[in-house]
Amino acid sequence: MSGTPVGRITGAALLGGIVGNPVSHSLSPVIHNAWLEAGGVDGAYVAFAPKDAAGFEALVAAGRAGLIAGVNVTAPFKEQAFALADEAAAAAQMTGSANILVFEDGRVRADSADGAGVLYALAEQAPKLKLDGASVVMLGAGGAARAGAGALIEAGAALSILNRTRERAEALAADLGPAVSVASDANVLEGADLVINALSVAPDISLAALKPLAVVMDMTYKPVVTPLLAAARARGLTTVDGLAMLIGQAAPSFEAIFRRPPPTLDLRAILLNHLGETA
């Protein structure tokens, strides 16, 4: 017999989702639908893949029209999501991007839980790391780097961006303010307390120069133990995976979209089982 409550999805169901392109790989529907089922919530969470900026704008218009309660937003639409909103929470304003849009009474409210996800993951898997005064090296200067940077700066960290294209790193640093600098080369790793990979691919760096107490984080979660994290573990360094970050940003997203806190579930076990991994 199914554990789904009879009649959970009705004509009053709230519709939420994840918007990106590509988006078929996303674990967000697994997370949110597990919560919806566990809580007996009259709602569903699906994936939307607009083909371009015009498609994303059409989806936001559908939200304004009352067809969607709210969405999470991922690449490449996070900055467009912020630009289309009528109002934005401080976390979204700090980075000029949003991973949550909430639709209510024809208006669009933007927020960002990516920073909360980074802080959650660090607190869970690297509890000895103190961010206040920490030297953080961010690998990459795209949307993922932007999304996590604001929370790190607010926590008192000094951020250095190491990116193959210096101009892009300088543009991001200019947006984020004086707590952010651009690294000229990989020598910056020598003083790092925390290194975060915000690239969608494995970075071409050596971890040999890192301090013994340095922490290495990878925002990627497929596989959970990425080549970067495997190399860091081989050196005996503390590692933080992207799955923890995903879980950390999911709870505020669920509450924003479905207007209630999520029920208690062991999401990590559910997701590892879904991925067929044991990390």
Protein backbone atom coordinates (compact mmCIF):
# COMPACT_ATOMS: atom_id res chain seq x y z
CA MET A 1 0.00 0.00 0.00
CA SER A 2 1.36 3.44 -0.91
CA GLY A 3 2.38 5.86 1.82
CA THR A 4 0.89 8.76 -0.13
CA PRO A 5 -2.20 10.19 1.64
CA VAL A 6 -5.39 9.58 -0.35
CA GLY A 7 -6.49 12.69 -2.22
CA ARG A 8 -3.30 14.64 -1.43
CA ILE A 9 -3.31 16.36 -4.84
CA THR A 10 -6.58 18.29 -5.27
CA GLY A 11 -7.83 21.31 -7.18
CA ALA A 12 -6.30 23.50 -4.48
CA ALA A 13 -2.78 22.08 -4.98
CA LEU A 14 0.18 24.47 -4.85
CA LEU A 15 2.56 24.07 -7.79
CA GLY A 16 6.26 24.70 -7.32
CA GLY A 17 9.33 23.71 -9.28
CA ILE A 18 12.93 24.10 -10.34
CA VAL A 19 13.72 26.22 -13.41
CA GLY A 20 16.93 25.85 -15.38
CA ASN A 21 18.45 24.64 -18.62
CA PRO A 22 19.56 21.91 -18.45
CA VAL A 23 17.53 20.81 -15.43
CA SER A 24 16.77 17.11 -15.89
CA HIS A 25 19.69 16.20 -13.61
CA SER A 26 18.35 18.25 -10.68
CA LEU A 27 17.75 16.55 -7.34
CA SER A 28 15.41 19.31 -6.17
CA PRO A 29 12.24 17.46 -7.26
CA VAL A 30 13.40 14.42 -5.26
CA ILE A 31 13.87 16.57 -2.14
CA HIS A 32 10.71 18.64 -2.33
CA ASN A 33 8.36 15.84 -3.35
CA ALA A 34 9.71 13.70 -0.48
CA TRP A 35 8.81 16.54 1.90
CA LEU A 36 5.41 17.07 0.28
CA GLU A 37 4.56 13.39 0.61
CA ALA A 38 5.88 13.09 4.18
CA GLY A 39 3.88 16.15 5.24
CA GLY A 40 0.74 15.21 3.32
CA VAL A 41 0.92 18.61 1.61
CA ASP A 42 -1.52 19.36 -1.21
CA GLY A 43 1.13 20.30 -3.75
CA ALA A 44 3.63 19.17 -6.37
CA TYR A 45 7.16 20.20 -7.34
CA VAL A 46 8.23 19.75 -10.97
CA ALA A 47 11.02 20.71 -13.38
CA PHE A 48 10.74 23.54 -15.91
CA ALA A 49 13.28 23.95 -18.72
CA PRO A 50 12.65 27.19 -20.67
CA LYS A 51 14.70 27.18 -23.86
CA ASP A 52 15.83 30.80 -23.49
CA ALA A 53 15.38 34.11 -21.66
CA ALA A 54 12.03 34.71 -23.36
CA GLY A 55 10.81 31.32 -22.17
CA PHE A 56 11.87 32.14 -18.62
CA GLU A 57 10.05 35.46 -18.79
CA ALA A 58 6.91 33.61 -19.93
CA LEU A 59 7.16 31.31 -16.93
CA VAL A 60 7.44 34.30 -14.57
CA ALA A 61 4.35 35.75 -16.26
CA ALA A 62 2.54 32.49 -15.48
CA GLY A 63 3.54 32.92 -11.86
CA ARG A 64 2.21 36.46 -11.81
CA ALA A 65 -1.06 35.10 -13.24
CA GLY A 66 -1.41 32.75 -10.27
CA LEU A 67 -0.55 29.49 -12.04
CA ILE A 68 2.58 28.74 -9.97
CA ALA A 69 3.18 29.32 -6.24
CA GLY A 70 6.94 29.68 -6.53
CA VAL A 71 10.10 28.24 -8.05
CA ASN A 72 13.73 27.60 -7.42
CA VAL A 73 15.99 28.97 -10.13
CA THR A 74 19.27 27.57 -11.36
CA ALA A 75 21.65 28.30 -14.26
CA PRO A 76 21.39 30.17 -16.53
CA PHE A 77 18.45 32.16 -15.16
CA LYS A 78 19.48 33.35 -11.67
CA GLU A 79 20.41 36.91 -12.65
CA GLN A 80 17.36 37.25 -14.92
CA ALA A 81 15.20 36.04 -12.02
CA PHE A 82 16.53 38.85 -9.84
CA ALA A 83 15.97 41.42 -12.59
CA LEU A 84 12.33 40.41 -13.14
CA ALA A 85 11.34 40.54 -9.47
CA ASP A 86 9.28 43.37 -7.95
CA GLU A 87 11.10 43.08 -4.64
CA ALA A 88 14.16 41.23 -3.41
CA ALA A 89 15.42 40.01 -0.05
CA ALA A 90 18.80 41.20 1.18
CA ALA A 91 20.55 37.95 0.23
CA ALA A 92 19.46 38.35 -3.39
CA GLN A 93 20.29 42.05 -3.46
CA MET A 94 23.84 41.40 -2.26
CA THR A 95 24.72 39.21 -5.23
CA GLY A 96 22.27 40.44 -7.86
CA SER A 97 20.92 36.94 -8.37
CA ALA A 98 18.07 34.81 -7.06
CA ASN A 99 17.47 31.10 -6.66
CA ILE A 100 13.94 31.54 -5.28
CA LEU A 101 10.98 33.37 -6.82
CA VAL A 102 7.69 33.52 -4.93
CA PHE A 103 4.50 34.56 -6.73
CA GLU A 104 1.70 36.15 -4.76
CA ASP A 105 -1.12 38.51 -5.76
CA GLY A 106 0.49 39.26 -9.12
CA ARG A 107 3.83 40.21 -7.61
CA VAL A 108 7.22 38.50 -7.70
CA ARG A 109 9.53 38.31 -4.70
CA ALA A 110 13.15 37.22 -5.14
CA ASP A 111 15.38 35.59 -2.56
CA SER A 112 18.57 33.56 -2.49
CA ALA A 113 19.15 30.53 -0.29
CA ASP A 114 22.44 29.56 -1.95
CA GLY A 115 24.44 31.38 0.69
CA ALA A 116 22.47 29.65 3.42
CA GLY A 117 23.27 26.35 1.71
CA VAL A 118 27.01 27.09 1.77
CA LEU A 119 26.93 28.02 5.46
CA TYR A 120 24.83 24.95 6.32
CA ALA A 121 27.25 22.63 4.51
CA LEU A 122 30.31 24.18 6.18
CA ALA A 123 28.73 24.02 9.64
CA GLU A 124 27.76 20.38 9.14
CA GLN A 125 30.92 18.99 7.57
CA ALA A 126 33.65 21.45 8.67
CA PRO A 127 32.43 22.59 12.10
CA LYS A 128 35.91 23.65 13.28
CA LEU A 129 36.28 26.22 10.48
CA LYS A 130 35.73 29.80 11.64
CA LEU A 131 34.67 32.00 8.75
CA ASP A 132 35.18 35.31 10.57
CA GLY A 133 38.63 36.40 9.37
CA ALA A 134 39.08 33.30 7.18
CA SER A 135 40.85 33.48 3.83
CA VAL A 136 38.61 31.91 1.18
CA VAL A 137 39.65 31.12 -2.39
CA MET A 138 36.75 30.75 -4.83
CA LEU A 139 37.52 28.80 -7.99
CA GLY A 140 35.37 30.26 -10.75
CA ALA A 141 33.55 33.53 -11.33
CA GLY A 142 30.17 32.44 -12.65
CA GLY A 143 26.72 32.24 -11.14
CA ALA A 144 27.63 29.59 -8.57
CA ALA A 145 30.51 31.69 -7.25
CA ARG A 146 28.29 34.76 -7.07
CA ALA A 147 25.55 32.86 -5.25
CA GLY A 148 27.70 31.71 -2.35
CA ALA A 149 29.92 34.76 -2.01
CA GLY A 150 27.48 37.06 -0.23
CA ALA A 151 26.99 34.79 2.78
CA LEU A 152 30.74 34.24 3.13
CA ILE A 153 31.39 37.98 3.10
CA GLU A 154 28.63 38.57 5.65
CA ALA A 155 30.23 35.92 7.87
CA GLY A 156 33.46 37.94 7.89
CA ALA A 157 35.54 36.03 5.36
CA ALA A 158 37.94 37.62 2.89
CA LEU A 159 37.36 36.24 -0.60
CA SER A 160 39.88 35.79 -3.43
CA ILE A 161 38.58 34.76 -6.85
CA LEU A 162 40.78 32.51 -8.98
CA ASN A 163 39.44 32.23 -12.50
CA ARG A 164 40.92 31.40 -15.87
CA THR A 165 39.46 34.59 -17.35
CA ARG A 166 40.72 37.45 -15.19
CA GLU A 167 38.28 40.00 -16.66
CA ARG A 168 35.30 37.96 -15.49
CA ALA A 169 36.78 37.62 -12.02
CA GLU A 170 37.38 41.38 -11.86
CA ALA A 171 33.77 42.06 -12.88
CA LEU A 172 32.47 39.80 -10.11
CA ALA A 173 34.82 41.32 -7.54
CA ALA A 174 33.67 44.81 -8.51
CA ASP A 175 30.05 43.78 -7.94
CA LEU A 176 30.72 42.19 -4.55
CA GLY A 177 32.75 44.99 -2.98
CA PRO A 178 36.03 45.51 -1.10
CA ALA A 179 35.99 42.18 0.76
CA VAL A 180 36.67 40.45 -2.58
CA SER A 181 39.92 40.47 -4.56
CA VAL A 182 41.15 38.78 -7.72
CA ALA A 183 44.00 36.29 -7.40
CA SER A 184 46.75 36.57 -9.97
CA ASP A 185 47.78 32.90 -9.80
CA ALA A 186 47.46 29.65 -7.87
CA ASN A 187 49.95 30.81 -5.24
CA VAL A 188 46.94 32.27 -3.41
CA LEU A 189 46.09 28.71 -2.34
CA GLU A 190 49.00 28.69 0.10
CA GLY A 191 47.22 31.00 2.54
CA ALA A 192 43.72 29.62 2.08
CA ASP A 193 41.67 28.43 5.04
CA LEU A 194 38.89 27.37 2.67
CA VAL A 195 38.91 26.54 -1.04
CA ILE A 196 35.56 26.31 -2.85
CA ASN A 197 35.15 24.93 -6.34
CA ALA A 198 32.31 26.84 -8.00
CA LEU A 199 33.07 25.45 -11.45
CA SER A 200 30.92 22.78 -13.08
CA VAL A 201 34.08 20.83 -13.97
CA ALA A 202 37.07 19.60 -12.01
CA PRO A 203 39.50 22.51 -11.48
CA ASP A 204 43.04 22.25 -12.81
CA ILE A 205 44.87 22.95 -9.55
CA SER A 206 47.24 21.18 -7.19
CA LEU A 207 46.30 20.87 -3.53
CA ALA A 208 49.91 20.32 -2.49
CA ALA A 209 50.33 23.93 -1.30
CA LEU A 210 47.33 23.91 1.03
CA LYS A 211 47.75 24.17 4.79
CA PRO A 212 47.09 20.95 6.77
CA LEU A 213 43.97 22.47 8.36
CA ALA A 214 42.55 23.88 5.12
CA VAL A 215 39.02 22.89 4.11
CA VAL A 216 38.10 21.99 0.54
CA MET A 217 34.51 22.32 -0.69
CA ASP A 218 33.02 21.38 -4.06
CA MET A 219 29.62 22.78 -5.05
CA THR A 220 29.15 19.92 -7.52
CA TYR A 221 27.20 16.93 -6.18
CA LYS A 222 27.42 14.42 -9.04
CA PRO A 223 29.38 12.44 -8.03
CA VAL A 224 29.14 13.34 -4.35
CA VAL A 225 32.86 12.65 -3.90
CA THR A 226 34.30 14.59 -6.82
CA PRO A 227 37.91 14.17 -8.02
CA LEU A 228 38.78 17.37 -6.13
CA LEU A 229 37.32 16.06 -2.87
CA ALA A 230 38.96 12.67 -3.37
CA ALA A 231 42.34 14.38 -3.80
CA ALA A 232 41.73 16.50 -0.71
CA ARG A 233 40.79 13.45 1.35
CA ALA A 234 43.94 11.69 0.16
CA ARG A 235 45.89 14.60 1.67
CA GLY A 236 43.98 14.25 4.94
CA LEU A 237 42.10 17.54 4.48
CA THR A 238 38.55 18.24 5.69
CA THR A 239 36.09 18.14 2.79
CA VAL A 240 32.59 19.53 2.23
CA ASP A 241 30.39 18.22 -0.58
CA GLY A 242 27.80 19.83 -2.80
CA LEU A 243 25.05 17.54 -1.57
CA ALA A 244 25.20 19.20 1.85
CA MET A 245 24.91 22.61 0.18
CA LEU A 246 21.90 21.44 -1.84
CA ILE A 247 20.17 20.17 1.30
CA GLY A 248 20.99 23.38 3.17
CA GLN A 249 19.34 25.64 0.60
CA ALA A 250 16.32 23.38 0.14
CA ALA A 251 14.56 24.03 3.47
CA PRO A 252 14.22 27.83 3.08
CA SER A 253 13.19 27.22 -0.53
CA PHE A 254 10.41 24.82 0.51
CA GLU A 255 9.14 27.21 3.16
CA ALA A 256 9.07 30.11 0.70
CA ILE A 257 7.30 28.18 -2.06
CA PHE A 258 4.84 26.08 -0.02
CA ARG A 259 4.31 28.55 2.86
CA ARG A 260 5.24 26.10 5.64
CA PRO A 261 8.43 24.53 7.03
CA PRO A 262 9.36 21.09 5.71
CA PRO A 263 8.82 17.96 7.81
CA THR A 264 11.82 16.21 9.33
CA LEU A 265 13.43 13.69 6.97
CA ASP A 266 16.91 12.21 6.51
CA LEU A 267 17.38 13.85 3.14
CA ARG A 268 21.01 12.83 2.77
CA ALA A 269 20.10 9.14 3.03
CA ILE A 270 17.24 9.62 0.54
CA LEU A 271 19.49 11.40 -1.96
CA LEU A 272 22.41 9.00 -1.65
CA ASN A 273 20.02 6.14 -2.26
CA HIS A 274 18.61 7.97 -5.29
CA LEU A 275 22.14 8.54 -6.63
CA GLY A 276 23.25 5.00 -5.84
CA GLU A 277 26.15 6.31 -3.75
CA THR A 278 27.37 5.68 -0.21
CA ALA A 279 29.46 8.82 0.48
